[in-house]
Amino acid sequence: MKKNILVIAAHPDDEVFGCGGTLIKHKENKDNINICFVGEGTTGRFDNSKDPLVKKHLVLRTKSAKKTAKYLNCKELLFLDYPNMRFHMCEKITLVKKLINIINKVKPDVIYTHCKTDLNSDHGIVHECVLTAIRPCKIFKPSEVYLFEIPSSTDWSLNEFGCFNPRMFVDIEKFKKKKIKLYKNYSSELKKFPFPLSIKFMDHYNSICGSAAGLKYAERFEVLRLIN
């Protein structure tokens, strides 16, 4: 039976770095994939918002997200365009209401979103707002909610905000090459090893994650909700 999948990510690229292999697996299972990007993921890198490079980077990031979504046969792709690294300046209640509306429309069986332990403040705010949006008193209650980690954000927090505590491991050995292809869609975000957002690091890391569960290649997730 097909499942409705909803990824709620802070920025374009988080869907690939956090759960790209798992999304490919959902695609192969012919599940319905939906992706919501809360922020644009770029402007926080520039001191001057009028810098001509800002628009160039925004266009590139959006194009990368659309290319990835097309490959995943994404049913619904949403951009809320919150300002990068400035989510804290926006009213959380407004974001929560937007997420509730999206959840009620998509009716996801499964939600993937950020863990609370990331160094990136936008990730933490998305986590908090999703947690509020899925509280049991709401109209639609997704039965499965999983939290992903992001290289260079979860690991760089040095457990200052708590430990990432995975309990679900997804075997993605068959999709290794396809996942690397998705990485390359966001080539502007990739750097050379030993930077965490490098193909070499992430490739090795998926092997390490898998070994903890007797798998050769895996992604891992915290389990926030699981209703049988």
Protein backbone atom coordinates (compact mmCIF):
# COMPACT_ATOMS: atom_id res chain seq x y z
CA MET A 1 0.00 0.00 0.00
CA LYS A 2 1.39 3.39 -1.00
CA LYS A 3 2.38 5.78 1.75
CA ASN A 4 2.26 9.56 1.75
CA ILE A 5 5.69 10.92 2.70
CA LEU A 6 6.35 14.49 3.82
CA VAL A 7 9.82 15.94 4.34
CA ILE A 8 9.89 19.23 6.24
CA ALA A 9 13.38 20.64 5.82
CA ALA A 10 14.91 23.97 6.78
CA HIS A 11 16.80 24.46 3.50
CA PRO A 12 17.13 22.97 0.03
CA ASP A 13 19.81 20.24 0.33
CA ASP A 14 18.75 19.09 3.82
CA GLU A 15 16.39 16.58 2.22
CA VAL A 16 19.32 14.89 0.46
CA PHE A 17 21.94 15.15 3.20
CA GLY A 18 19.42 14.06 5.85
CA CYS A 19 17.38 11.32 4.18
CA GLY A 20 18.22 11.17 0.46
CA GLY A 21 18.75 7.41 0.35
CA THR A 22 15.55 6.77 2.27
CA LEU A 23 13.61 8.98 -0.16
CA ILE A 24 15.03 7.00 -3.09
CA LYS A 25 13.79 3.85 -1.36
CA HIS A 26 10.34 5.42 -1.00
CA LYS A 27 10.43 6.29 -4.69
CA GLU A 28 11.27 2.68 -5.58
CA ASN A 29 8.32 1.58 -3.42
CA LYS A 30 6.14 4.01 -5.41
CA ASP A 31 5.23 6.02 -2.32
CA ASN A 32 4.03 9.61 -2.74
CA ILE A 33 6.86 11.99 -1.80
CA ASN A 34 6.17 15.60 -0.78
CA ILE A 35 8.82 18.12 0.27
CA CYS A 36 8.47 21.43 2.10
CA PHE A 37 11.44 23.79 2.40
CA VAL A 38 10.90 26.35 5.14
CA GLY A 39 13.83 28.63 4.21
CA GLU A 40 15.75 29.61 1.10
CA GLY A 41 19.12 28.54 2.52
CA THR A 42 21.37 31.20 1.01
CA THR A 43 21.03 34.85 2.07
CA GLY A 44 22.56 34.35 5.53
CA ARG A 45 25.95 33.87 3.88
CA PHE A 46 26.05 37.43 2.58
CA ASP A 47 26.56 40.66 4.52
CA ASN A 48 24.83 42.65 1.82
CA SER A 49 21.45 41.41 0.59
CA LYS A 50 21.95 43.47 -2.58
CA ASP A 51 25.12 41.60 -3.50
CA PRO A 52 24.58 40.42 -7.12
CA LEU A 53 25.75 36.93 -6.08
CA VAL A 54 22.73 36.53 -3.79
CA LYS A 55 20.24 36.16 -6.64
CA LYS A 56 22.60 33.85 -8.51
CA HIS A 57 22.92 31.54 -5.52
CA LEU A 58 19.18 31.60 -4.82
CA VAL A 59 18.39 30.59 -8.40
CA LEU A 60 20.99 27.82 -8.29
CA ARG A 61 19.71 26.44 -4.98
CA THR A 62 16.11 26.42 -6.19
CA LYS A 63 17.10 24.76 -9.46
CA SER A 64 18.98 22.06 -7.52
CA ALA A 65 15.93 21.44 -5.32
CA LYS A 66 13.59 21.16 -8.31
CA LYS A 67 15.97 18.79 -10.10
CA THR A 68 16.12 16.57 -7.03
CA ALA A 69 12.35 16.67 -6.58
CA LYS A 70 11.83 15.69 -10.22
CA TYR A 71 14.15 12.70 -9.82
CA LEU A 72 12.20 11.60 -6.73
CA ASN A 73 8.88 11.97 -8.58
CA CYS A 74 7.91 14.49 -5.92
CA LYS A 75 4.16 15.09 -5.88
CA GLU A 76 4.21 18.42 -4.02
CA LEU A 77 7.22 20.75 -3.70
CA LEU A 78 6.75 23.76 -1.43
CA PHE A 79 9.02 26.75 -0.79
CA LEU A 80 8.04 28.93 2.18
CA ASP A 81 11.06 31.22 1.58
CA TYR A 82 11.84 32.11 5.18
CA PRO A 83 15.10 34.13 5.46
CA ASN A 84 18.19 31.96 5.88
CA MET A 85 19.61 31.93 9.43
CA ARG A 86 16.89 34.37 10.50
CA PHE A 87 14.03 32.02 11.36
CA HIS A 88 14.28 33.32 14.93
CA MET A 89 13.16 36.74 13.68
CA CYS A 90 9.88 35.31 12.36
CA GLU A 91 6.81 34.46 14.44
CA LYS A 92 6.86 30.76 15.25
CA ILE A 93 3.08 30.62 15.51
CA THR A 94 2.80 31.73 11.87
CA LEU A 95 5.12 28.94 10.74
CA VAL A 96 3.29 26.40 12.90
CA LYS A 97 -0.04 27.35 11.29
CA LYS A 98 1.47 27.03 7.80
CA LEU A 99 2.82 23.58 8.66
CA ILE A 100 -0.53 22.49 10.09
CA ASN A 101 -2.23 23.51 6.83
CA ILE A 102 0.36 21.60 4.79
CA ILE A 103 0.03 18.50 6.95
CA ASN A 104 -3.78 18.59 6.73
CA LYS A 105 -3.54 18.93 2.94
CA VAL A 106 -0.86 16.27 2.28
CA LYS A 107 -2.08 13.89 5.01
CA PRO A 108 1.32 12.21 5.39
CA ASP A 109 1.64 8.77 6.87
CA VAL A 110 5.32 9.51 7.47
CA ILE A 111 7.12 12.78 8.26
CA TYR A 112 10.88 13.29 8.15
CA THR A 113 12.34 16.43 9.71
CA HIS A 114 15.27 17.79 11.69
CA CYS A 115 16.47 16.61 15.08
CA LYS A 116 16.72 19.11 17.94
CA THR A 117 20.46 18.74 18.48
CA ASP A 118 21.78 20.63 15.43
CA LEU A 119 24.15 23.58 15.60
CA ASN A 120 22.21 25.32 12.82
CA SER A 121 19.53 27.37 14.58
CA ASP A 122 17.12 27.16 11.63
CA HIS A 123 17.11 23.36 11.98
CA GLY A 124 16.21 23.61 15.65
CA ILE A 125 13.34 26.00 15.00
CA VAL A 126 11.92 23.75 12.26
CA HIS A 127 12.09 20.82 14.68
CA GLU A 128 10.25 22.78 17.36
CA CYS A 129 7.56 24.02 14.97
CA VAL A 130 6.95 20.59 13.44
CA LEU A 131 6.65 19.12 16.94
CA THR A 132 4.00 21.73 17.74
CA ALA A 133 2.21 21.25 14.42
CA ILE A 134 1.79 17.48 14.88
CA ARG A 135 0.51 17.54 18.44
CA PRO A 136 -2.28 14.97 18.86
CA CYS A 137 -5.09 17.52 19.23
CA LYS A 138 -4.75 18.55 15.57
CA ILE A 139 -7.00 17.34 12.72
CA PHE A 140 -4.55 14.99 11.05
CA LYS A 141 -2.13 12.87 13.06
CA PRO A 142 0.80 11.32 11.12
CA SER A 143 1.49 7.85 12.47
CA GLU A 144 5.26 7.94 11.88
CA VAL A 145 7.63 10.85 12.54
CA TYR A 146 11.40 10.45 12.18
CA LEU A 147 14.25 12.88 12.78
CA PHE A 148 17.34 12.99 10.60
CA GLU A 149 20.87 14.25 11.18
CA ILE A 150 22.78 16.68 8.96
CA PRO A 151 26.57 16.38 8.55
CA SER A 152 28.32 19.62 9.64
CA SER A 153 25.35 20.56 11.82
CA THR A 154 24.48 17.60 14.05
CA ASP A 155 28.11 16.56 14.54
CA TRP A 156 29.46 20.12 14.95
CA SER A 157 27.09 20.80 17.87
CA LEU A 158 29.37 18.52 19.94
CA ASN A 159 26.27 17.31 21.82
CA GLU A 160 25.85 20.77 23.35
CA PHE A 161 22.10 20.58 22.70
CA GLY A 162 21.72 16.90 23.56
CA CYS A 163 22.78 13.69 21.84
CA PHE A 164 21.41 12.41 18.54
CA ASN A 165 19.88 9.08 19.56
CA PRO A 166 18.99 6.97 16.48
CA ARG A 167 16.68 4.00 16.82
CA MET A 168 15.70 3.35 13.20
CA PHE A 169 18.16 2.26 10.50
CA VAL A 170 17.19 2.21 6.82
CA ASP A 171 19.12 -0.15 4.56
CA ILE A 172 20.06 1.86 1.44
CA GLU A 173 22.88 -0.32 0.12
CA LYS A 174 21.06 -0.83 -3.20
CA PHE A 175 20.74 2.92 -3.67
CA LYS A 176 24.31 3.98 -2.90
CA LYS A 177 25.13 5.21 -6.41
CA LYS A 178 21.79 6.94 -6.76
CA LYS A 179 22.26 8.77 -3.48
CA ILE A 180 25.67 10.03 -4.60
CA LYS A 181 23.95 11.29 -7.75
CA LEU A 182 21.59 13.32 -5.55
CA TYR A 183 24.55 14.76 -3.65
CA LYS A 184 25.89 16.07 -6.94
CA ASN A 185 22.65 17.93 -7.60
CA TYR A 186 23.83 20.22 -4.81
CA SER A 187 27.41 20.48 -6.04
CA SER A 188 27.60 24.13 -4.93
CA GLU A 189 27.21 22.94 -1.31
CA LEU A 190 29.84 20.19 -1.50
CA LYS A 191 33.40 20.72 -0.32
CA LYS A 192 36.58 18.67 -0.12
CA PHE A 193 37.17 16.02 2.54
CA PRO A 194 37.45 16.20 5.56
CA PHE A 195 34.58 18.70 5.45
CA PRO A 196 31.40 16.79 6.46
CA LEU A 197 29.51 17.93 3.36
CA SER A 198 31.85 16.04 1.05
CA ILE A 199 30.95 12.94 -0.91
CA LYS A 200 33.86 11.02 0.60
CA PHE A 201 32.80 11.80 4.17
CA MET A 202 29.10 11.08 3.66
CA ASP A 203 29.82 7.89 1.76
CA HIS A 204 31.99 6.57 4.59
CA TYR A 205 29.54 7.84 7.19
CA ASN A 206 26.64 5.87 5.73
CA SER A 207 28.82 2.76 6.01
CA ILE A 208 29.58 3.54 9.66
CA CYS A 209 25.88 4.16 10.38
CA GLY A 210 25.01 0.85 8.77
CA SER A 211 27.59 -1.13 10.72
CA ALA A 212 25.84 -0.23 14.00
CA ALA A 213 22.87 -2.28 12.79
CA GLY A 214 24.72 -4.99 10.85
CA LEU A 215 24.17 -3.26 7.52
CA LYS A 216 26.70 -2.23 4.88
CA TYR A 217 25.14 1.13 4.07
CA ALA A 218 22.38 2.92 5.94
CA GLU A 219 20.76 6.13 7.09
CA ARG A 220 19.67 6.42 10.69
CA PHE A 221 16.88 8.32 12.42
CA GLU A 222 15.52 9.21 15.80
CA VAL A 223 11.97 7.94 16.31
CA LEU A 224 9.70 10.76 17.46
CA ARG A 225 6.38 8.97 16.87
CA LEU A 226 5.39 5.47 15.84
CA ILE A 227 1.73 4.45 15.99
CA ASN A 228 0.86 0.86 15.02
